[in-house]
Amino acid sequence: MDRQLWRQFPQVEPELNALQPYLLDAVNLTNRPIHNKIVALMASGGKFLRPGYFYLFAAFGQPTSPAALRAGAAALEILHVGTLIHDDVIDQSPTRRGVRTIQMKYGQKNAIYAGDFMFTVYFDQVLKSTHDVALIQAHIDAMHKILTGELGQMALNYQEDAPLDAYLSEIAGKTAELFALACYQGAVLTHAPQSVQANARAIGVAIGSAYQMLDDILDYAGDPKKTKKPILEDLRSGVYSLPLLLALPQARAEFHHYLKKKQAMTAEDIQAVRDLVTQYHGVAAAQKLATEWTNKALALIAQLPNVPARADLARLTGMLLRRDH
């Protein structure tokens, strides 16, 4: 699934097509090598899911300044890219979307500064989209949740007994919060009905949670040519994601034989863990849970006003569960 998916949503596609050059214009760093790497990352195939959900929820509201909406959509994508740059440092990822990462090319220090720079551009776009103090506070609160979610992941690294609730709490901050912000911001900026605003965040959390679960599934069962990232990258860095967490209780001793090695795990060890996860139905169980969260999102979407955007929201959300990259 790439940006071509928006061809199926003609009321959103023109806005997202116009967003790409706007984003490249908004990110203007005097350090040209880093600037060029950020531009390459932003142009290398992001799905624009968060801006897309933003515009779909905006369709429930009143006519609003296109410039304000574009800035609001840009803020979401810029925040997302900033977190990706930091993620690549944390995970020591060599590539992202098929592009060599900043930290691999120019070192961790410069990558951290590049991610921080993106956060300043994010807030600049937020202020271009609104002067509503309550909505600006919502952005601050969302960023707080995202960062504390990332820090919470650190406490779970290499934890073979991590409970499922801890995983759900971690992804609620790490991934789901940005989807929630996208949905909520689209509704609030356009003064959508209060019922839409009230449901927007819950819908975003359910969508984002299901999306992260599927990401975790693809880490074990995906095709790296399609996902554009190495398989089992999380396991290599000590992140025990959903398929492993669901399989672990079935054979703790077998898994521990490999997981106890932590950073010293070989490629063969990692492959053995992957085989065990499949053997003990971790991927299948994770797919079932992702389906439950997707169905939760669809049930909430069904409660929205019956306008064309509602059907598009349901169709897009259903497509996310079936994606293979």
Protein backbone atom coordinates (compact mmCIF):
# COMPACT_ATOMS: atom_id res chain seq x y z
CA MET A 1 0.00 0.00 0.00
CA ASP A 2 1.51 3.32 -1.07
CA ARG A 3 0.28 6.77 -1.97
CA GLN A 4 -1.52 5.41 -5.03
CA LEU A 5 -4.24 4.17 -2.70
CA TRP A 6 -5.60 7.74 -2.60
CA ARG A 7 -6.69 7.41 -6.24
CA GLN A 8 -9.64 5.53 -4.79
CA PHE A 9 -10.56 8.61 -2.71
CA PRO A 10 -10.90 11.44 -5.27
CA GLN A 11 -12.12 14.00 -2.73
CA VAL A 12 -8.87 13.62 -0.75
CA GLU A 13 -6.29 12.85 -3.45
CA PRO A 14 -5.94 16.44 -4.80
CA GLU A 15 -5.28 17.77 -1.31
CA LEU A 16 -2.59 15.16 -0.67
CA ASN A 17 -1.00 15.75 -4.07
CA ALA A 18 -0.74 19.45 -3.23
CA LEU A 19 0.67 18.61 0.19
CA GLN A 20 3.88 17.04 -1.13
CA PRO A 21 5.43 20.23 -2.63
CA TYR A 22 4.17 22.21 0.38
CA LEU A 23 6.04 19.88 2.72
CA LEU A 24 9.27 20.13 0.75
CA ASP A 25 8.95 23.91 0.86
CA ALA A 26 8.25 23.96 4.61
CA VAL A 27 11.39 22.00 5.47
CA ASN A 28 14.26 24.33 4.66
CA LEU A 29 17.46 23.58 6.54
CA THR A 30 20.70 25.49 5.92
CA ASN A 31 22.71 22.30 6.40
CA ARG A 32 22.17 21.12 2.84
CA PRO A 33 23.39 17.51 3.21
CA ILE A 34 20.94 16.92 6.09
CA HIS A 35 18.26 18.93 4.28
CA ASN A 36 18.66 16.72 1.21
CA LYS A 37 18.38 13.55 3.29
CA ILE A 38 15.18 14.80 4.96
CA VAL A 39 13.74 15.74 1.57
CA ALA A 40 14.68 12.31 0.19
CA LEU A 41 12.94 10.63 3.12
CA MET A 42 9.80 12.72 2.69
CA ALA A 43 9.71 12.02 -1.04
CA SER A 44 10.40 8.29 -0.79
CA GLY A 45 6.95 6.83 -0.49
CA GLY A 46 5.23 7.69 2.76
CA LYS A 47 1.55 6.77 2.60
CA PHE A 48 0.23 10.11 3.94
CA LEU A 49 -2.21 8.15 6.09
CA ARG A 50 -2.35 10.70 8.88
CA PRO A 51 -2.98 13.69 6.58
CA GLY A 52 -5.48 11.53 4.70
CA TYR A 53 -7.46 10.77 7.85
CA PHE A 54 -7.21 14.45 8.76
CA TYR A 55 -8.87 15.48 5.49
CA LEU A 56 -11.53 12.77 5.73
CA PHE A 57 -12.56 14.02 9.18
CA ALA A 58 -12.43 17.60 7.93
CA ALA A 59 -15.17 16.62 5.47
CA PHE A 60 -17.60 16.32 8.42
CA GLY A 61 -17.17 20.01 9.25
CA GLN A 62 -17.72 23.43 7.73
CA PRO A 63 -15.83 25.09 4.84
CA THR A 64 -12.46 26.14 6.23
CA SER A 65 -9.47 28.04 4.85
CA PRO A 66 -7.54 25.68 2.52
CA ALA A 67 -4.29 27.23 3.75
CA ALA A 68 -5.14 26.43 7.37
CA LEU A 69 -6.10 22.87 6.47
CA ARG A 70 -2.93 22.34 4.44
CA ALA A 71 -0.81 23.56 7.35
CA GLY A 72 -2.71 21.26 9.70
CA ALA A 73 -2.16 18.27 7.42
CA ALA A 74 1.51 19.19 6.95
CA ALA A 75 2.04 19.42 10.70
CA LEU A 76 0.95 15.81 11.12
CA GLU A 77 3.26 14.46 8.42
CA ILE A 78 6.21 16.53 9.64
CA LEU A 79 5.74 15.29 13.21
CA HIS A 80 5.53 11.74 11.89
CA VAL A 81 8.77 12.10 9.89
CA GLY A 82 10.54 13.64 12.89
CA THR A 83 9.62 10.62 15.03
CA LEU A 84 10.84 8.28 12.25
CA ILE A 85 14.23 9.98 12.19
CA HIS A 86 14.55 9.49 15.96
CA ASP A 87 13.27 5.89 15.67
CA ASP A 88 16.04 5.13 13.20
CA VAL A 89 18.62 6.32 15.75
CA ILE A 90 17.08 4.22 18.52
CA ASP A 91 16.81 1.13 16.32
CA GLN A 92 20.11 1.77 14.50
CA SER A 93 18.24 1.26 11.24
CA PRO A 94 20.35 1.33 8.07
CA THR A 95 17.48 2.26 5.75
CA ARG A 96 14.03 3.79 5.85
CA ARG A 97 11.63 3.52 2.90
CA GLY A 98 14.54 2.24 0.83
CA VAL A 99 16.65 5.33 1.62
CA ARG A 100 19.83 5.27 3.73
CA THR A 101 19.02 6.80 7.11
CA ILE A 102 20.49 10.06 8.36
CA GLN A 103 22.11 8.36 11.33
CA MET A 104 23.87 5.87 9.04
CA LYS A 105 25.09 8.58 6.67
CA TYR A 106 25.91 11.42 9.07
CA GLY A 107 25.91 9.90 12.57
CA GLN A 108 23.52 9.72 15.50
CA LYS A 109 24.15 13.24 16.78
CA ASN A 110 23.19 14.86 13.48
CA ALA A 111 20.17 12.58 13.12
CA ILE A 112 18.91 13.58 16.58
CA TYR A 113 19.29 17.25 15.70
CA ALA A 114 17.50 16.63 12.40
CA GLY A 115 14.56 15.03 14.23
CA ASP A 116 14.48 17.93 16.69
CA PHE A 117 14.49 20.38 13.78
CA MET A 118 11.45 18.62 12.34
CA PHE A 119 9.63 19.14 15.63
CA THR A 120 10.20 22.91 15.37
CA VAL A 121 8.82 22.87 11.81
CA TYR A 122 5.85 20.87 13.13
CA PHE A 123 4.94 23.55 15.67
CA ASP A 124 5.42 26.25 13.06
CA GLN A 125 2.80 24.52 10.91
CA VAL A 126 0.50 24.08 13.91
CA LEU A 127 0.53 27.85 14.44
CA LYS A 128 -0.19 28.39 10.74
CA SER A 129 -3.25 26.13 11.05
CA THR A 130 -4.80 27.58 14.22
CA HIS A 131 -4.52 30.10 17.03
CA ASP A 132 -6.99 28.18 19.16
CA VAL A 133 -5.18 27.68 22.46
CA ALA A 134 -7.15 24.53 23.25
CA LEU A 135 -6.17 22.91 19.95
CA ILE A 136 -2.54 23.94 20.35
CA GLN A 137 -2.65 22.36 23.80
CA ALA A 138 -4.03 19.18 22.18
CA HIS A 139 -0.91 19.10 19.99
CA ILE A 140 1.33 19.55 23.02
CA ASP A 141 -0.52 16.80 24.89
CA ALA A 142 -0.24 14.47 21.88
CA MET A 143 3.49 15.04 21.54
CA HIS A 144 3.87 14.38 25.26
CA LYS A 145 2.08 11.04 24.86
CA ILE A 146 4.14 10.10 21.82
CA LEU A 147 7.44 10.78 23.56
CA THR A 148 6.45 9.10 26.82
CA GLY A 149 5.29 6.13 24.75
CA GLU A 150 8.72 5.90 23.16
CA LEU A 151 10.37 6.12 26.58
CA GLY A 152 7.99 3.47 27.87
CA GLN A 153 9.20 1.10 25.17
CA MET A 154 12.70 1.27 26.64
CA ALA A 155 11.47 -0.27 29.90
CA LEU A 156 10.01 -3.20 27.93
CA ASN A 157 13.11 -4.02 25.91
CA TYR A 158 14.29 -7.63 26.37
CA GLN A 159 11.43 -8.28 28.82
CA GLU A 160 10.26 -11.85 28.22
CA ASP A 161 7.44 -11.50 30.75
CA ALA A 162 6.06 -8.19 29.48
CA PRO A 163 2.24 -8.23 29.81
CA LEU A 164 -0.01 -7.54 26.83
CA ASP A 165 -1.45 -4.49 28.62
CA ALA A 166 2.00 -2.91 28.71
CA TYR A 167 2.34 -3.43 24.95
CA LEU A 168 -1.09 -1.89 24.31
CA SER A 169 -0.24 1.09 26.50
CA GLU A 170 3.06 1.57 24.69
CA ILE A 171 1.56 1.52 21.18
CA ALA A 172 -1.23 3.85 22.34
CA GLY A 173 1.45 6.50 22.76
CA LYS A 174 3.91 5.43 20.12
CA THR A 175 1.59 5.07 17.10
CA ALA A 176 -2.08 5.43 17.96
CA GLU A 177 -1.77 8.93 19.41
CA LEU A 178 -0.72 10.45 16.08
CA PHE A 179 -3.68 8.84 14.31
CA ALA A 180 -5.94 10.12 17.10
CA LEU A 181 -4.53 13.62 16.71
CA ALA A 182 -5.06 13.51 12.94
CA CYS A 183 -8.72 12.53 13.26
CA TYR A 184 -9.43 14.95 16.08
CA GLN A 185 -7.64 17.89 14.48
CA GLY A 186 -9.52 17.45 11.21
CA ALA A 187 -12.84 17.51 13.06
CA VAL A 188 -12.01 20.43 15.36
CA LEU A 189 -10.38 22.71 12.78
CA THR A 190 -13.52 22.53 10.64
CA HIS A 191 -15.95 22.88 13.56
CA ALA A 192 -17.51 19.47 12.89
CA PRO A 193 -20.46 18.45 15.09
CA GLN A 194 -19.57 17.72 18.70
CA SER A 195 -20.56 14.08 18.20
CA VAL A 196 -17.87 13.77 15.50
CA GLN A 197 -15.27 15.53 17.61
CA ALA A 198 -16.10 13.28 20.56
CA ASN A 199 -15.64 10.10 18.52
CA ALA A 200 -12.66 11.25 16.48
CA ARG A 201 -9.95 10.49 19.02
CA ALA A 202 -11.34 7.05 19.91
CA ILE A 203 -11.53 6.15 16.21
CA GLY A 204 -7.95 7.30 15.70
CA VAL A 205 -6.70 5.28 18.67
CA ALA A 206 -8.42 2.13 17.37
CA ILE A 207 -7.08 2.65 13.84
CA GLY A 208 -3.56 3.45 15.04
CA SER A 209 -3.49 0.45 17.37
CA ALA A 210 -4.59 -1.92 14.61
CA TYR A 211 -2.08 -0.32 12.24
CA GLN A 212 0.83 -0.85 14.65
CA MET A 213 -0.25 -4.43 15.30
CA LEU A 214 -0.17 -5.13 11.58
CA ASP A 215 3.24 -3.46 11.35
CA ASP A 216 4.42 -5.87 14.04
CA ILE A 217 2.92 -8.80 12.14
CA LEU A 218 4.72 -7.74 8.95
CA ASP A 219 7.98 -7.62 10.89
CA TYR A 220 7.63 -11.40 11.25
CA ALA A 221 5.67 -12.33 8.15
CA GLY A 222 6.18 -9.53 5.62
CA ASP A 223 8.21 -9.29 2.43
CA PRO A 224 11.10 -6.85 2.97
CA LYS A 225 10.93 -5.86 -0.71
CA LYS A 226 7.45 -4.51 -0.04
CA THR A 227 7.90 -3.22 3.51
CA LYS A 228 11.23 -1.59 2.54
CA LYS A 229 12.77 -2.48 5.88
CA PRO A 230 14.57 -5.55 7.23
CA ILE A 231 12.46 -8.35 8.68
CA LEU A 232 12.70 -8.82 12.48
CA GLU A 233 14.30 -5.41 12.96
CA ASP A 234 12.42 -4.99 16.27
CA LEU A 235 13.66 -8.31 17.63
CA ARG A 236 17.25 -7.38 16.84
CA SER A 237 16.92 -4.25 18.99
CA GLY A 238 15.20 -6.00 21.91
CA VAL A 239 11.66 -4.90 21.10
CA TYR A 240 9.35 -7.85 21.71
CA SER A 241 6.32 -6.99 19.64
CA LEU A 242 2.86 -8.52 19.45
CA PRO A 243 3.42 -11.86 17.63
CA LEU A 244 6.28 -12.77 19.97
CA LEU A 245 4.43 -11.63 23.10
CA LEU A 246 1.44 -13.80 22.18
CA ALA A 247 3.57 -16.86 21.38
CA LEU A 248 5.96 -16.62 24.35
CA PRO A 249 3.62 -18.03 27.03
CA GLN A 250 3.19 -21.20 24.97
CA ALA A 251 6.89 -22.18 25.17
CA ARG A 252 8.87 -19.93 27.48
CA ALA A 253 11.83 -22.30 27.84
CA GLU A 254 12.23 -22.71 24.08
CA PHE A 255 12.12 -18.99 23.48
CA HIS A 256 14.40 -18.22 26.43
CA HIS A 257 17.13 -20.43 24.95
CA TYR A 258 17.53 -17.77 22.24
CA LEU A 259 16.23 -14.57 23.83
CA LYS A 260 18.60 -14.78 26.81
CA LYS A 261 21.43 -13.93 24.40
CA LYS A 262 19.93 -10.46 23.82
CA GLN A 263 22.31 -8.40 21.65
CA ALA A 264 24.46 -11.49 21.04
CA MET A 265 21.73 -13.27 19.07
CA THR A 266 22.97 -14.48 15.71
CA ALA A 267 21.06 -14.43 12.44
CA GLU A 268 20.36 -18.12 13.00
CA ASP A 269 18.99 -17.42 16.49
CA ILE A 270 16.68 -14.74 15.12
CA GLN A 271 15.41 -17.07 12.43
CA ALA A 272 14.80 -19.75 15.08
CA VAL A 273 12.70 -17.30 17.13
CA ARG A 274 10.74 -16.41 14.02
CA ASP A 275 10.06 -20.10 13.38
CA LEU A 276 8.92 -20.58 16.98
CA VAL A 277 6.56 -17.60 16.74
CA THR A 278 4.97 -19.20 13.68
CA GLN A 279 4.91 -22.66 15.30
CA TYR A 280 3.10 -21.35 18.37
CA HIS A 281 0.62 -19.29 16.35
CA GLY A 282 1.89 -15.87 17.42
CA VAL A 283 1.28 -14.31 14.00
CA ALA A 284 -2.23 -15.77 13.75
CA ALA A 285 -3.12 -14.58 17.25
CA ALA A 286 -1.77 -11.11 16.46
CA GLN A 287 -3.83 -10.98 13.27
CA LYS A 288 -6.92 -11.86 15.28
CA LEU A 289 -6.28 -9.03 17.76
CA ALA A 290 -5.59 -6.56 14.94
CA THR A 291 -8.91 -7.56 13.39
CA GLU A 292 -10.69 -6.92 16.69
CA TRP A 293 -9.24 -3.41 16.90
CA THR A 294 -10.11 -2.73 13.27
CA ASN A 295 -13.68 -3.87 13.90
CA LYS A 296 -13.79 -1.56 16.92
CA ALA A 297 -12.76 1.34 14.68
CA LEU A 298 -15.35 0.38 12.06
CA ALA A 299 -18.10 0.23 14.69
CA LEU A 300 -17.22 3.73 15.89
CA ILE A 301 -17.07 5.04 12.32
CA ALA A 302 -20.57 3.65 11.75
CA GLN A 303 -21.81 6.04 14.47
CA LEU A 304 -20.67 9.12 12.52
CA PRO A 305 -23.12 11.20 10.44
CA ASN A 306 -24.08 9.53 7.18
CA VAL A 307 -22.05 11.61 4.73
CA PRO A 308 -19.78 10.34 1.92
CA ALA A 309 -16.69 10.70 4.12
CA ARG A 310 -18.06 8.06 6.50
CA ALA A 311 -18.08 5.39 3.80
CA ASP A 312 -14.58 6.42 2.74
CA LEU A 313 -13.33 6.19 6.31
CA ALA A 314 -14.73 2.68 6.64
CA ARG A 315 -13.27 1.58 3.28
CA LEU A 316 -9.82 3.01 4.01
CA THR A 317 -9.72 1.48 7.48
CA GLY A 318 -10.70 -1.93 6.10
CA MET A 319 -7.92 -1.66 3.51
CA LEU A 320 -5.31 -1.05 6.21
CA LEU A 321 -5.91 -4.48 7.74
CA ARG A 322 -5.35 -6.21 4.42
CA ARG A 323 -2.15 -4.38 3.51
CA ASP A 324 1.06 -6.34 3.01
CA HIS A 325 3.47 -3.44 3.44
